[in-house]
Amino acid sequence: MGCFSVAIGRLRKIRVYFVIVFSIPLAFMAIVPVLTHSVLGGEPLAAITLSDTIVIRDGSIIPQYPKPGRWTEFERKSSNRFESRQFRYMVPGESPAIELYVVTDKRDEPPDGAFEIGLVSGYLRGFATKGGFTYDDPVINILYIGRTRVLHALVKLTGGRKMLWVHAYIFPRQPSLTFIAIRGVVDAQEDIEKYLATVDFRNMTSPP
């Protein structure tokens, strides 16, 4: 009976030791991102969360697109003036449902959408060249999604008998948000804008 009690005592010590040893790395893993942010300075411009939403630096939340898929970060760019992140909502077996560009102006000047219009033009040029399409220069219109002012462009791409429509939505703010969606039909605008109406904006600085 005494040997049995000693064995139980040793087993408890082993269990306590096991918990301590394996809890420390887990706690360290949890605290490392916090320490990293503190050391490197500031929050990231945009990041994908565990719930597969995108959180913008100002607290705005970009939800999942209403199709089975997930957000994926593709490209980061930085210059003396601008910093940007590119995200795509990837759907298995399909083209991206929608793309998002998050851009911040390091000079913190009032947002006017000029840089983002150039971004959309560059996107069109690259996509058309790669796919063998032609298109007319985008015409920017102003519309409102809810009470939010948006710069919008609808561009038709033509390649032989194939036609695609590029829908671009620019939210001139700091950081700015530019959504681009490519569709095989022209009347997809309502569905796209219904999704954009679900974005949780914070700190809107676009003019009324």
N, C-alpha and C. Protein backbone atom coordinates (compact mmCIF):
# COMPACT_ATOMS: atom_id res chain seq x y z
N MET A 1 0.85 -1.20 0.00
CA MET A 1 0.00 0.00 0.00
C MET A 1 0.87 1.25 0.00
N GLY A 2 1.98 1.21 0.76
CA GLY A 2 2.89 2.35 0.80
C GLY A 2 3.52 2.61 -0.55
N CYS A 3 3.92 1.51 -1.24
CA CYS A 3 4.50 1.66 -2.58
C CYS A 3 3.49 2.27 -3.53
N PHE A 4 2.23 1.87 -3.38
CA PHE A 4 1.18 2.40 -4.25
C PHE A 4 1.02 3.90 -4.05
N SER A 5 1.05 4.37 -2.79
CA SER A 5 0.91 5.80 -2.48
C SER A 5 2.07 6.59 -3.06
N VAL A 6 3.28 6.03 -2.96
CA VAL A 6 4.46 6.69 -3.51
C VAL A 6 4.33 6.83 -5.01
N ALA A 7 3.82 5.77 -5.65
CA ALA A 7 3.67 5.79 -7.11
C ALA A 7 2.66 6.85 -7.52
N ILE A 8 1.55 6.96 -6.77
CA ILE A 8 0.54 7.98 -7.06
C ILE A 8 1.14 9.38 -6.91
N GLY A 9 1.93 9.57 -5.85
CA GLY A 9 2.57 10.87 -5.63
C GLY A 9 3.49 11.24 -6.77
N ARG A 10 4.29 10.27 -7.25
CA ARG A 10 5.18 10.54 -8.36
C ARG A 10 4.39 10.88 -9.64
N LEU A 11 3.28 10.17 -9.83
CA LEU A 11 2.46 10.40 -11.01
C LEU A 11 1.90 11.82 -11.00
N ARG A 12 1.45 12.29 -9.81
CA ARG A 12 0.93 13.65 -9.71
C ARG A 12 2.01 14.67 -10.03
N LYS A 13 3.24 14.40 -9.54
CA LYS A 13 4.34 15.32 -9.82
C LYS A 13 4.64 15.37 -11.30
N ILE A 14 4.57 14.20 -11.96
CA ILE A 14 4.82 14.14 -13.40
C ILE A 14 3.76 14.93 -14.14
N ARG A 15 2.49 14.79 -13.70
CA ARG A 15 1.39 15.51 -14.36
C ARG A 15 1.56 17.01 -14.19
N VAL A 16 1.93 17.44 -12.99
CA VAL A 16 2.15 18.88 -12.75
C VAL A 16 3.29 19.38 -13.61
N TYR A 17 4.36 18.60 -13.67
CA TYR A 17 5.52 18.97 -14.47
C TYR A 17 5.14 19.07 -15.95
N PHE A 18 4.32 18.11 -16.41
CA PHE A 18 3.86 18.08 -17.82
C PHE A 18 3.07 19.35 -18.15
N VAL A 19 2.15 19.72 -17.24
CA VAL A 19 1.32 20.91 -17.46
C VAL A 19 2.17 22.16 -17.52
N ILE A 20 3.14 22.27 -16.57
CA ILE A 20 3.99 23.46 -16.53
C ILE A 20 4.83 23.56 -17.79
N VAL A 21 5.47 22.45 -18.20
CA VAL A 21 6.36 22.45 -19.35
C VAL A 21 5.62 22.81 -20.63
N PHE A 22 4.43 22.25 -20.81
CA PHE A 22 3.70 22.47 -22.06
C PHE A 22 2.86 23.74 -22.03
N SER A 23 2.59 24.28 -20.86
CA SER A 23 1.84 25.53 -20.78
C SER A 23 2.72 26.72 -21.10
N ILE A 24 4.00 26.66 -20.73
CA ILE A 24 4.89 27.79 -20.97
C ILE A 24 5.03 28.10 -22.46
N PRO A 25 5.29 27.09 -23.35
CA PRO A 25 5.38 27.42 -24.78
C PRO A 25 4.07 27.99 -25.32
N LEU A 26 2.93 27.46 -24.87
CA LEU A 26 1.64 27.95 -25.36
C LEU A 26 1.43 29.40 -24.95
N ALA A 27 1.77 29.71 -23.69
CA ALA A 27 1.63 31.09 -23.23
C ALA A 27 2.58 32.00 -23.98
N PHE A 28 3.80 31.51 -24.25
CA PHE A 28 4.77 32.30 -24.99
C PHE A 28 4.29 32.58 -26.41
N MET A 29 3.69 31.56 -27.06
CA MET A 29 3.17 31.73 -28.41
C MET A 29 2.07 32.77 -28.43
N ALA A 30 1.27 32.81 -27.37
CA ALA A 30 0.17 33.76 -27.33
C ALA A 30 0.66 35.18 -27.13
N ILE A 31 1.77 35.33 -26.40
CA ILE A 31 2.22 36.69 -26.06
C ILE A 31 3.21 37.25 -27.08
N VAL A 32 3.83 36.38 -27.90
CA VAL A 32 4.82 36.84 -28.87
C VAL A 32 4.26 37.87 -29.84
N PRO A 33 3.05 37.66 -30.46
CA PRO A 33 2.53 38.69 -31.36
C PRO A 33 2.38 40.04 -30.69
N VAL A 34 1.95 40.04 -29.41
CA VAL A 34 1.78 41.30 -28.69
C VAL A 34 3.13 41.98 -28.52
N LEU A 35 4.13 41.20 -28.10
CA LEU A 35 5.46 41.77 -27.92
C LEU A 35 6.02 42.26 -29.24
N THR A 36 5.79 41.49 -30.32
CA THR A 36 6.30 41.87 -31.63
C THR A 36 5.74 43.22 -32.05
N HIS A 37 4.41 43.41 -31.88
CA HIS A 37 3.80 44.67 -32.24
C HIS A 37 4.39 45.81 -31.42
N SER A 38 4.64 45.56 -30.14
CA SER A 38 5.17 46.60 -29.29
C SER A 38 6.58 46.98 -29.72
N VAL A 39 7.38 45.97 -30.08
CA VAL A 39 8.76 46.23 -30.47
C VAL A 39 8.82 46.91 -31.83
N LEU A 40 8.03 46.41 -32.80
CA LEU A 40 8.09 46.95 -34.15
C LEU A 40 7.34 48.26 -34.26
N GLY A 41 6.39 48.49 -33.35
CA GLY A 41 5.71 49.78 -33.33
C GLY A 41 4.45 49.80 -34.15
N GLY A 42 3.28 49.92 -33.49
CA GLY A 42 2.03 50.12 -34.19
C GLY A 42 1.35 48.84 -34.63
N GLU A 43 0.06 49.01 -35.01
CA GLU A 43 -0.72 47.90 -35.51
C GLU A 43 -0.45 47.68 -36.99
N PRO A 44 -0.70 46.47 -37.52
CA PRO A 44 -0.54 46.26 -38.96
C PRO A 44 -1.59 47.03 -39.73
N LEU A 45 -1.31 47.33 -40.99
CA LEU A 45 -2.27 48.06 -41.82
C LEU A 45 -3.56 47.28 -41.95
N ALA A 46 -3.46 45.97 -42.15
CA ALA A 46 -4.63 45.10 -42.26
C ALA A 46 -4.18 43.68 -42.00
N ALA A 47 -5.08 42.88 -41.41
CA ALA A 47 -4.72 41.50 -41.07
C ALA A 47 -5.96 40.61 -41.12
N ILE A 48 -5.76 39.36 -41.49
CA ILE A 48 -6.84 38.37 -41.52
C ILE A 48 -6.95 37.74 -40.13
N THR A 49 -8.16 37.68 -39.60
CA THR A 49 -8.38 37.13 -38.27
C THR A 49 -8.66 35.63 -38.35
N LEU A 50 -8.73 34.98 -37.17
CA LEU A 50 -9.04 33.56 -37.12
C LEU A 50 -10.45 33.27 -37.62
N SER A 51 -11.35 34.25 -37.52
CA SER A 51 -12.72 34.07 -38.02
C SER A 51 -12.84 34.41 -39.50
N ASP A 52 -11.68 34.62 -40.15
CA ASP A 52 -11.61 34.89 -41.60
C ASP A 52 -12.31 36.19 -41.99
N THR A 53 -12.16 37.19 -41.17
CA THR A 53 -12.50 38.55 -41.56
C THR A 53 -11.19 39.33 -41.65
N ILE A 54 -11.25 40.50 -42.27
CA ILE A 54 -10.07 41.36 -42.35
C ILE A 54 -10.30 42.56 -41.44
N VAL A 55 -9.36 42.79 -40.54
CA VAL A 55 -9.44 43.93 -39.65
C VAL A 55 -8.47 45.00 -40.14
N ILE A 56 -9.00 46.20 -40.36
CA ILE A 56 -8.18 47.32 -40.81
C ILE A 56 -7.63 48.04 -39.59
N ARG A 57 -6.54 48.75 -39.77
CA ARG A 57 -5.86 49.41 -38.66
C ARG A 57 -6.79 50.29 -37.83
N ASP A 58 -7.77 50.95 -38.48
CA ASP A 58 -8.66 51.86 -37.75
C ASP A 58 -9.82 51.14 -37.07
N GLY A 59 -9.86 49.79 -37.18
CA GLY A 59 -10.92 49.02 -36.54
C GLY A 59 -12.02 48.59 -37.47
N SER A 60 -12.01 49.04 -38.73
CA SER A 60 -13.02 48.59 -39.69
C SER A 60 -12.88 47.09 -39.92
N ILE A 61 -14.02 46.44 -40.18
CA ILE A 61 -14.03 44.99 -40.34
C ILE A 61 -14.61 44.63 -41.70
N ILE A 62 -13.86 43.87 -42.47
CA ILE A 62 -14.29 43.40 -43.79
C ILE A 62 -14.75 41.94 -43.62
N PRO A 63 -16.03 41.66 -43.81
CA PRO A 63 -16.51 40.29 -43.59
C PRO A 63 -16.17 39.35 -44.74
N GLN A 64 -16.47 38.09 -44.54
CA GLN A 64 -16.33 37.12 -45.63
C GLN A 64 -17.32 37.46 -46.74
N TYR A 65 -16.93 37.13 -47.97
CA TYR A 65 -17.87 37.27 -49.08
C TYR A 65 -18.87 36.11 -48.96
N PRO A 66 -20.14 36.33 -49.33
CA PRO A 66 -21.15 35.27 -49.14
C PRO A 66 -21.04 34.12 -50.14
N LYS A 67 -19.86 33.51 -50.17
CA LYS A 67 -19.63 32.29 -50.95
C LYS A 67 -18.64 31.45 -50.16
N PRO A 68 -18.67 30.12 -50.31
CA PRO A 68 -17.72 29.28 -49.57
C PRO A 68 -16.29 29.54 -50.04
N GLY A 69 -15.49 30.10 -49.17
CA GLY A 69 -14.11 30.43 -49.53
C GLY A 69 -13.43 31.07 -48.34
N ARG A 70 -12.30 31.76 -48.59
CA ARG A 70 -11.58 32.40 -47.51
C ARG A 70 -10.71 33.53 -48.07
N TRP A 71 -10.43 34.51 -47.19
CA TRP A 71 -9.53 35.60 -47.54
C TRP A 71 -8.08 35.12 -47.54
N THR A 72 -7.31 35.60 -48.51
CA THR A 72 -5.89 35.28 -48.60
C THR A 72 -5.13 36.56 -48.93
N GLU A 73 -4.05 36.82 -48.19
CA GLU A 73 -3.22 37.98 -48.51
C GLU A 73 -2.25 37.62 -49.63
N PHE A 74 -2.13 38.52 -50.62
CA PHE A 74 -1.30 38.21 -51.78
C PHE A 74 -0.05 39.08 -51.88
N GLU A 75 -0.17 40.36 -51.67
CA GLU A 75 0.98 41.21 -51.95
C GLU A 75 1.02 42.41 -51.00
N ARG A 76 2.25 42.78 -50.64
CA ARG A 76 2.47 43.97 -49.83
C ARG A 76 3.44 44.88 -50.58
N LYS A 77 3.11 46.17 -50.60
CA LYS A 77 3.99 47.14 -51.24
C LYS A 77 4.16 48.35 -50.35
N SER A 78 5.31 49.00 -50.48
CA SER A 78 5.55 50.19 -49.69
C SER A 78 6.49 51.11 -50.45
N SER A 79 6.19 52.40 -50.40
CA SER A 79 7.04 53.42 -51.01
C SER A 79 7.23 54.53 -49.99
N ASN A 80 7.88 55.59 -50.41
CA ASN A 80 8.06 56.72 -49.49
C ASN A 80 6.73 57.38 -49.14
N ARG A 81 5.73 57.20 -50.01
CA ARG A 81 4.45 57.88 -49.81
C ARG A 81 3.33 56.95 -49.36
N PHE A 82 3.26 55.74 -49.97
CA PHE A 82 2.12 54.86 -49.73
C PHE A 82 2.56 53.47 -49.26
N GLU A 83 1.66 52.86 -48.50
CA GLU A 83 1.81 51.46 -48.09
C GLU A 83 0.52 50.74 -48.44
N SER A 84 0.62 49.54 -49.02
CA SER A 84 -0.59 48.84 -49.46
C SER A 84 -0.54 47.36 -49.14
N ARG A 85 -1.74 46.77 -49.02
CA ARG A 85 -1.93 45.34 -48.87
C ARG A 85 -2.99 44.87 -49.86
N GLN A 86 -2.76 43.73 -50.48
CA GLN A 86 -3.72 43.17 -51.42
C GLN A 86 -4.26 41.86 -50.87
N PHE A 87 -5.59 41.73 -50.86
CA PHE A 87 -6.25 40.51 -50.41
C PHE A 87 -7.20 40.01 -51.50
N ARG A 88 -7.37 38.71 -51.57
CA ARG A 88 -8.33 38.10 -52.49
C ARG A 88 -9.21 37.12 -51.71
N TYR A 89 -10.50 37.14 -52.05
CA TYR A 89 -11.40 36.15 -51.45
C TYR A 89 -11.45 34.97 -52.40
N MET A 90 -10.75 33.90 -52.02
CA MET A 90 -10.57 32.75 -52.90
C MET A 90 -11.70 31.74 -52.70
N VAL A 91 -12.29 31.33 -53.83
CA VAL A 91 -13.36 30.32 -53.84
C VAL A 91 -12.82 29.10 -54.57
N PRO A 92 -12.88 27.91 -53.96
CA PRO A 92 -12.33 26.71 -54.61
C PRO A 92 -12.90 26.50 -56.01
N GLY A 93 -12.01 26.30 -56.98
CA GLY A 93 -12.42 26.01 -58.35
C GLY A 93 -12.92 27.21 -59.13
N GLU A 94 -12.82 28.42 -58.57
CA GLU A 94 -13.30 29.62 -59.25
C GLU A 94 -12.27 30.74 -59.17
N SER A 95 -12.52 31.77 -59.96
CA SER A 95 -11.70 32.98 -59.84
C SER A 95 -12.04 33.67 -58.52
N PRO A 96 -11.18 34.56 -58.04
CA PRO A 96 -11.49 35.27 -56.79
C PRO A 96 -12.85 35.96 -56.87
N ALA A 97 -13.64 35.83 -55.81
CA ALA A 97 -14.96 36.45 -55.78
C ALA A 97 -14.84 37.96 -55.73
N ILE A 98 -13.83 38.45 -55.02
CA ILE A 98 -13.61 39.88 -54.89
C ILE A 98 -12.18 40.09 -54.40
N GLU A 99 -11.61 41.23 -54.74
CA GLU A 99 -10.28 41.58 -54.28
C GLU A 99 -10.35 42.88 -53.50
N LEU A 100 -9.43 43.04 -52.57
CA LEU A 100 -9.40 44.23 -51.73
C LEU A 100 -7.98 44.77 -51.67
N TYR A 101 -7.86 46.09 -51.90
CA TYR A 101 -6.59 46.79 -51.71
C TYR A 101 -6.78 47.78 -50.56
N VAL A 102 -5.91 47.67 -49.58
CA VAL A 102 -5.92 48.59 -48.44
C VAL A 102 -4.68 49.47 -48.59
N VAL A 103 -4.89 50.79 -48.62
CA VAL A 103 -3.78 51.71 -48.86
C VAL A 103 -3.78 52.80 -47.81
N THR A 104 -2.61 53.11 -47.28
CA THR A 104 -2.49 54.24 -46.36
C THR A 104 -1.49 55.24 -46.91
N ASP A 105 -1.81 56.51 -46.73
CA ASP A 105 -0.95 57.60 -47.16
C ASP A 105 -0.07 58.00 -45.98
N LYS A 106 1.22 57.80 -46.11
CA LYS A 106 2.14 58.07 -45.01
C LYS A 106 2.21 59.56 -44.67
N ARG A 107 1.82 60.40 -45.61
CA ARG A 107 1.80 61.84 -45.33
C ARG A 107 0.50 62.25 -44.64
N ASP A 108 -0.45 61.33 -44.61
CA ASP A 108 -1.73 61.57 -43.95
C ASP A 108 -2.45 62.80 -44.52
N GLU A 109 -2.40 62.93 -45.85
CA GLU A 109 -3.10 64.04 -46.50
C GLU A 109 -4.57 63.67 -46.70
N PRO A 110 -5.45 64.66 -46.86
CA PRO A 110 -6.88 64.38 -47.04
C PRO A 110 -7.11 63.42 -48.21
N PRO A 111 -7.88 62.35 -48.03
CA PRO A 111 -8.07 61.36 -49.09
C PRO A 111 -8.94 61.90 -50.22
N ASP A 112 -8.48 61.70 -51.46
CA ASP A 112 -9.26 62.14 -52.62
C ASP A 112 -9.49 61.03 -53.64
N GLY A 113 -8.86 59.87 -53.43
CA GLY A 113 -9.07 58.74 -54.33
C GLY A 113 -8.19 58.74 -55.57
N ALA A 114 -7.32 59.74 -55.73
CA ALA A 114 -6.50 59.84 -56.94
C ALA A 114 -5.55 58.64 -57.08
N PHE A 115 -4.87 58.30 -55.99
CA PHE A 115 -3.95 57.16 -56.05
C PHE A 115 -4.71 55.87 -56.36
N GLU A 116 -5.90 55.71 -55.77
CA GLU A 116 -6.68 54.49 -55.95
C GLU A 116 -7.22 54.37 -57.38
N ILE A 117 -7.56 55.50 -57.98
CA ILE A 117 -7.99 55.48 -59.39
C ILE A 117 -6.85 54.99 -60.27
N GLY A 118 -5.64 55.44 -59.97
CA GLY A 118 -4.46 54.94 -60.69
C GLY A 118 -4.24 53.46 -60.45
N LEU A 119 -4.52 53.01 -59.23
CA LEU A 119 -4.40 51.59 -58.89
C LEU A 119 -5.36 50.74 -59.75
N VAL A 120 -6.61 51.22 -59.87
CA VAL A 120 -7.60 50.50 -60.69
C VAL A 120 -7.17 50.48 -62.15
N SER A 121 -6.65 51.60 -62.65
CA SER A 121 -6.19 51.66 -64.04
C SER A 121 -5.05 50.67 -64.27
N GLY A 122 -4.12 50.60 -63.31
CA GLY A 122 -3.03 49.64 -63.43
C GLY A 122 -3.51 48.20 -63.38
N TYR A 123 -4.49 47.94 -62.54
CA TYR A 123 -5.07 46.60 -62.45
C TYR A 123 -5.68 46.20 -63.80
N LEU A 124 -6.46 47.10 -64.38
CA LEU A 124 -7.09 46.83 -65.67
C LEU A 124 -6.04 46.57 -66.75
N ARG A 125 -5.02 47.39 -66.78
CA ARG A 125 -3.99 47.26 -67.79
C ARG A 125 -3.29 45.90 -67.68
N GLY A 126 -2.95 45.51 -66.46
CA GLY A 126 -2.29 44.23 -66.27
C GLY A 126 -3.18 43.05 -66.61
N PHE A 127 -4.44 43.10 -66.16
CA PHE A 127 -5.36 42.00 -66.42
C PHE A 127 -5.64 41.86 -67.90
N ALA A 128 -5.85 42.99 -68.59
CA ALA A 128 -6.16 42.97 -70.02
C ALA A 128 -4.98 42.46 -70.83
N THR A 129 -3.79 42.89 -70.47
CA THR A 129 -2.59 42.44 -71.20
C THR A 129 -2.39 40.94 -71.03
N LYS A 130 -2.56 40.46 -69.84
CA LYS A 130 -2.36 39.03 -69.57
C LYS A 130 -3.42 38.17 -70.25
N GLY A 131 -4.67 38.65 -70.28
CA GLY A 131 -5.76 37.85 -70.84
C GLY A 131 -6.09 38.13 -72.29
N GLY A 132 -5.40 39.09 -72.91
CA GLY A 132 -5.66 39.42 -74.30
C GLY A 132 -6.97 40.18 -74.50
N PHE A 133 -7.30 41.06 -73.58
CA PHE A 133 -8.53 41.84 -73.65
C PHE A 133 -8.23 43.28 -74.07
N THR A 134 -9.26 43.93 -74.58
CA THR A 134 -9.22 45.36 -74.81
C THR A 134 -10.33 46.01 -73.98
N TYR A 135 -10.19 47.30 -73.70
CA TYR A 135 -11.19 47.98 -72.88
C TYR A 135 -11.06 49.49 -73.08
N ASP A 136 -12.11 50.19 -72.74
CA ASP A 136 -12.07 51.66 -72.74
C ASP A 136 -11.61 52.13 -71.37
N ASP A 137 -11.06 53.33 -71.35
CA ASP A 137 -10.61 53.88 -70.07
C ASP A 137 -11.78 53.97 -69.09
N PRO A 138 -11.54 53.65 -67.83
CA PRO A 138 -12.64 53.67 -66.84
C PRO A 138 -13.18 55.08 -66.62
N VAL A 139 -14.50 55.16 -66.50
CA VAL A 139 -15.17 56.40 -66.15
C VAL A 139 -15.60 56.30 -64.69
N ILE A 140 -15.16 57.24 -63.88
CA ILE A 140 -15.44 57.21 -62.45
C ILE A 140 -16.74 57.96 -62.15
N ASN A 141 -17.64 57.28 -61.46
CA ASN A 141 -18.90 57.88 -61.03
C ASN A 141 -18.95 57.89 -59.51
N ILE A 142 -19.76 58.78 -58.97
CA ILE A 142 -19.96 58.84 -57.52
C ILE A 142 -21.31 58.21 -57.19
N LEU A 143 -21.31 57.28 -56.25
CA LEU A 143 -22.56 56.71 -55.76
C LEU A 143 -22.46 56.54 -54.26
N TYR A 144 -23.58 56.18 -53.66
CA TYR A 144 -23.62 55.99 -52.21
C TYR A 144 -24.07 54.57 -51.89
N ILE A 145 -23.34 53.93 -50.99
CA ILE A 145 -23.74 52.65 -50.44
C ILE A 145 -24.16 52.93 -49.00
N GLY A 146 -25.45 52.91 -48.76
CA GLY A 146 -25.95 53.43 -47.49
C GLY A 146 -25.72 54.92 -47.49
N ARG A 147 -25.00 55.43 -46.50
CA ARG A 147 -24.67 56.84 -46.42
C ARG A 147 -23.20 57.10 -46.75
N THR A 148 -22.53 56.06 -47.27
CA THR A 148 -21.10 56.16 -47.54
C THR A 148 -20.85 56.52 -49.00
N ARG A 149 -20.08 57.57 -49.22
CA ARG A 149 -19.73 58.02 -50.56
C ARG A 149 -18.67 57.11 -51.15
N VAL A 150 -18.90 56.67 -52.40
CA VAL A 150 -18.01 55.71 -53.05
C VAL A 150 -17.72 56.18 -54.47
N LEU A 151 -16.49 55.98 -54.92
CA LEU A 151 -16.13 56.18 -56.33
C LEU A 151 -16.25 54.83 -57.02
N HIS A 152 -17.01 54.80 -58.13
CA HIS A 152 -17.33 53.53 -58.78
C HIS A 152 -16.99 53.58 -60.26
N ALA A 153 -16.49 52.46 -60.77
CA ALA A 153 -16.24 52.32 -62.20
C ALA A 153 -16.68 50.94 -62.65
N LEU A 154 -17.34 50.88 -63.79
CA LEU A 154 -17.73 49.63 -64.42
C LEU A 154 -17.10 49.60 -65.80
N VAL A 155 -16.22 48.63 -66.04
CA VAL A 155 -15.45 48.57 -67.28
C VAL A 155 -15.68 47.24 -67.97
N LYS A 156 -15.97 47.30 -69.27
CA LYS A 156 -16.17 46.07 -70.05
C LYS A 156 -14.87 45.67 -70.73
N LEU A 157 -14.47 44.42 -70.52
CA LEU A 157 -13.30 43.85 -71.19
C LEU A 157 -13.77 42.95 -72.33
N THR A 158 -13.16 43.10 -73.49
CA THR A 158 -13.55 42.32 -74.66
C THR A 158 -12.34 41.57 -75.19
N GLY A 159 -12.51 40.27 -75.40
CA GLY A 159 -11.45 39.45 -75.98
C GLY A 159 -12.06 38.43 -76.91
N GLY A 160 -12.15 38.75 -78.20
CA GLY A 160 -12.84 37.87 -79.15
C GLY A 160 -14.33 37.85 -78.83
N ARG A 161 -14.87 36.66 -78.60
CA ARG A 161 -16.28 36.53 -78.23
C ARG A 161 -16.51 36.59 -76.73
N LYS A 162 -15.44 36.67 -75.98
CA LYS A 162 -15.56 36.67 -74.52
C LYS A 162 -15.64 38.10 -73.99
N MET A 163 -16.54 38.32 -73.04
CA MET A 163 -16.67 39.62 -72.39
C MET A 163 -16.70 39.46 -70.88
N LEU A 164 -16.02 40.34 -70.21
CA LEU A 164 -16.02 40.38 -68.75
C LEU A 164 -16.28 41.82 -68.31
N TRP A 165 -16.83 41.95 -67.10
CA TRP A 165 -17.07 43.27 -66.55
C TRP A 165 -16.31 43.41 -65.23
N VAL A 166 -15.56 44.49 -65.13
CA VAL A 166 -14.80 44.78 -63.91
C VAL A 166 -15.54 45.85 -63.13
N HIS A 167 -15.90 45.52 -61.90
CA HIS A 167 -16.56 46.45 -60.99
C HIS A 167 -15.52 46.92 -59.98
N ALA A 168 -15.30 48.22 -59.90
CA ALA A 168 -14.34 48.77 -58.95
C ALA A 168 -15.05 49.77 -58.03
N TYR A 169 -14.79 49.64 -56.74
CA TYR A 169 -15.39 50.52 -55.72
C TYR A 169 -14.27 51.08 -54.85
N ILE A 170 -14.14 52.39 -54.86
CA ILE A 170 -13.10 53.05 -54.09
C ILE A 170 -13.74 53.81 -52.93
N PHE A 171 -13.30 53.50 -51.72
CA PHE A 171 -13.74 54.22 -50.53
C PHE A 171 -12.60 55.16 -50.13
N PRO A 172 -12.69 56.44 -50.51
CA PRO A 172 -11.59 57.37 -50.20
C PRO A 172 -11.60 57.76 -48.73
N ARG A 173 -10.70 57.18 -48.00
CA ARG A 173 -10.62 57.36 -46.56
C ARG A 173 -9.18 57.08 -46.16
N GLN A 174 -8.90 57.08 -44.87
CA GLN A 174 -7.54 56.79 -44.40
C GLN A 174 -7.60 55.74 -43.31
N PRO A 175 -7.19 54.47 -43.60
CA PRO A 175 -6.70 53.95 -44.87
C PRO A 175 -7.83 53.81 -45.90
N SER A 176 -7.49 53.87 -47.17
CA SER A 176 -8.50 53.72 -48.22
C SER A 176 -8.74 52.24 -48.49
N LEU A 177 -9.93 51.95 -49.00
CA LEU A 177 -10.31 50.59 -49.37
C LEU A 177 -10.75 50.59 -50.82
N THR A 178 -10.20 49.70 -51.63
CA THR A 178 -10.59 49.57 -53.03
C THR A 178 -10.96 48.11 -53.29
N PHE A 179 -12.23 47.89 -53.63
CA PHE A 179 -12.72 46.55 -53.93
C PHE A 179 -12.83 46.39 -55.45
N ILE A 180 -12.36 45.27 -55.97
CA ILE A 180 -12.46 44.98 -57.40
C ILE A 180 -13.04 43.59 -57.58
N ALA A 181 -14.08 43.51 -58.40
CA ALA A 181 -14.73 42.22 -58.67
C ALA A 181 -14.90 42.06 -60.18
N ILE A 182 -14.56 40.89 -60.70
CA ILE A 182 -14.70 40.60 -62.12
C ILE A 182 -15.84 39.61 -62.30
N ARG A 183 -16.77 39.94 -63.18
CA ARG A 183 -17.94 39.10 -63.42
C ARG A 183 -18.13 38.85 -64.91
N GLY A 184 -18.80 37.74 -65.22
CA GLY A 184 -19.11 37.41 -66.61
C GLY A 184 -20.43 37.98 -67.08
N VAL A 185 -21.11 38.71 -66.19
CA VAL A 185 -22.38 39.34 -66.54
C VAL A 185 -22.33 40.79 -66.09
N VAL A 186 -23.08 41.64 -66.76
CA VAL A 186 -23.04 43.06 -66.48
C VAL A 186 -23.87 43.45 -65.27
N ASP A 187 -24.90 42.64 -64.95
CA ASP A 187 -25.85 43.03 -63.90
C ASP A 187 -25.51 42.44 -62.53
N ALA A 188 -24.22 42.41 -62.20
CA ALA A 188 -23.80 41.87 -60.89
C ALA A 188 -23.65 42.97 -59.85
N GLN A 189 -23.89 44.20 -60.24
CA GLN A 189 -23.64 45.33 -59.35
C GLN A 189 -24.46 45.27 -58.06
N GLU A 190 -25.71 44.86 -58.17
CA GLU A 190 -26.58 44.83 -56.99
C GLU A 190 -26.05 43.87 -55.93
N ASP A 191 -25.62 42.68 -56.34
CA ASP A 191 -25.10 41.70 -55.38
C ASP A 191 -23.81 42.18 -54.73
N ILE A 192 -22.93 42.80 -55.51
CA ILE A 192 -21.67 43.30 -54.97
C ILE A 192 -21.93 44.39 -53.95
N GLU A 193 -22.82 45.31 -54.28
CA GLU A 193 -23.09 46.42 -53.37
C GLU A 193 -23.86 45.97 -52.13
N LYS A 194 -24.63 44.91 -52.26
CA LYS A 194 -25.28 44.35 -51.09
C LYS A 194 -24.24 43.82 -50.11
N TYR A 195 -23.19 43.21 -50.63
CA TYR A 195 -22.11 42.75 -49.77
C TYR A 195 -21.36 43.93 -49.16
N LEU A 196 -21.03 44.93 -49.96
CA LEU A 196 -20.28 46.07 -49.46
C LEU A 196 -21.03 46.82 -48.36
N ALA A 197 -22.35 46.74 -48.39
CA ALA A 197 -23.16 47.38 -47.35
C ALA A 197 -22.98 46.72 -45.99
N THR A 198 -22.40 45.52 -45.95
CA THR A 198 -22.19 44.81 -44.68
C THR A 198 -20.84 45.14 -44.04
N VAL A 199 -19.99 45.90 -44.75
CA VAL A 199 -18.68 46.26 -44.20
C VAL A 199 -18.89 47.19 -43.00
N ASP A 200 -18.18 46.92 -41.92
CA ASP A 200 -18.28 47.71 -40.70
C ASP A 200 -17.20 48.79 -40.73
N PHE A 201 -17.58 49.98 -41.19
CA PHE A 201 -16.61 51.06 -41.32
C PHE A 201 -16.45 51.80 -39.99
N ARG A 202 -15.21 52.19 -39.73
CA ARG A 202 -14.90 53.05 -38.59
C ARG A 202 -14.10 54.24 -39.12
N ASN A 203 -14.22 55.35 -38.43
CA ASN A 203 -13.39 56.50 -38.73
C ASN A 203 -13.47 56.93 -40.20
N MET A 204 -14.69 56.97 -40.74
CA MET A 204 -14.85 57.39 -42.13
C MET A 204 -14.44 58.84 -42.27
N THR A 205 -13.55 59.10 -43.24
CA THR A 205 -13.07 60.46 -43.47
C THR A 205 -13.40 60.94 -44.88
N SER A 206 -14.19 60.15 -45.62
CA SER A 206 -14.55 60.58 -46.97
C SER A 206 -15.52 61.74 -46.89
N PRO A 207 -15.44 62.69 -47.83
CA PRO A 207 -16.33 63.86 -47.77
C PRO A 207 -17.75 63.47 -48.01
N PRO A 208 -18.75 64.23 -47.48
CA PRO A 208 -20.16 63.88 -47.65
C PRO A 208 -20.62 64.10 -49.07
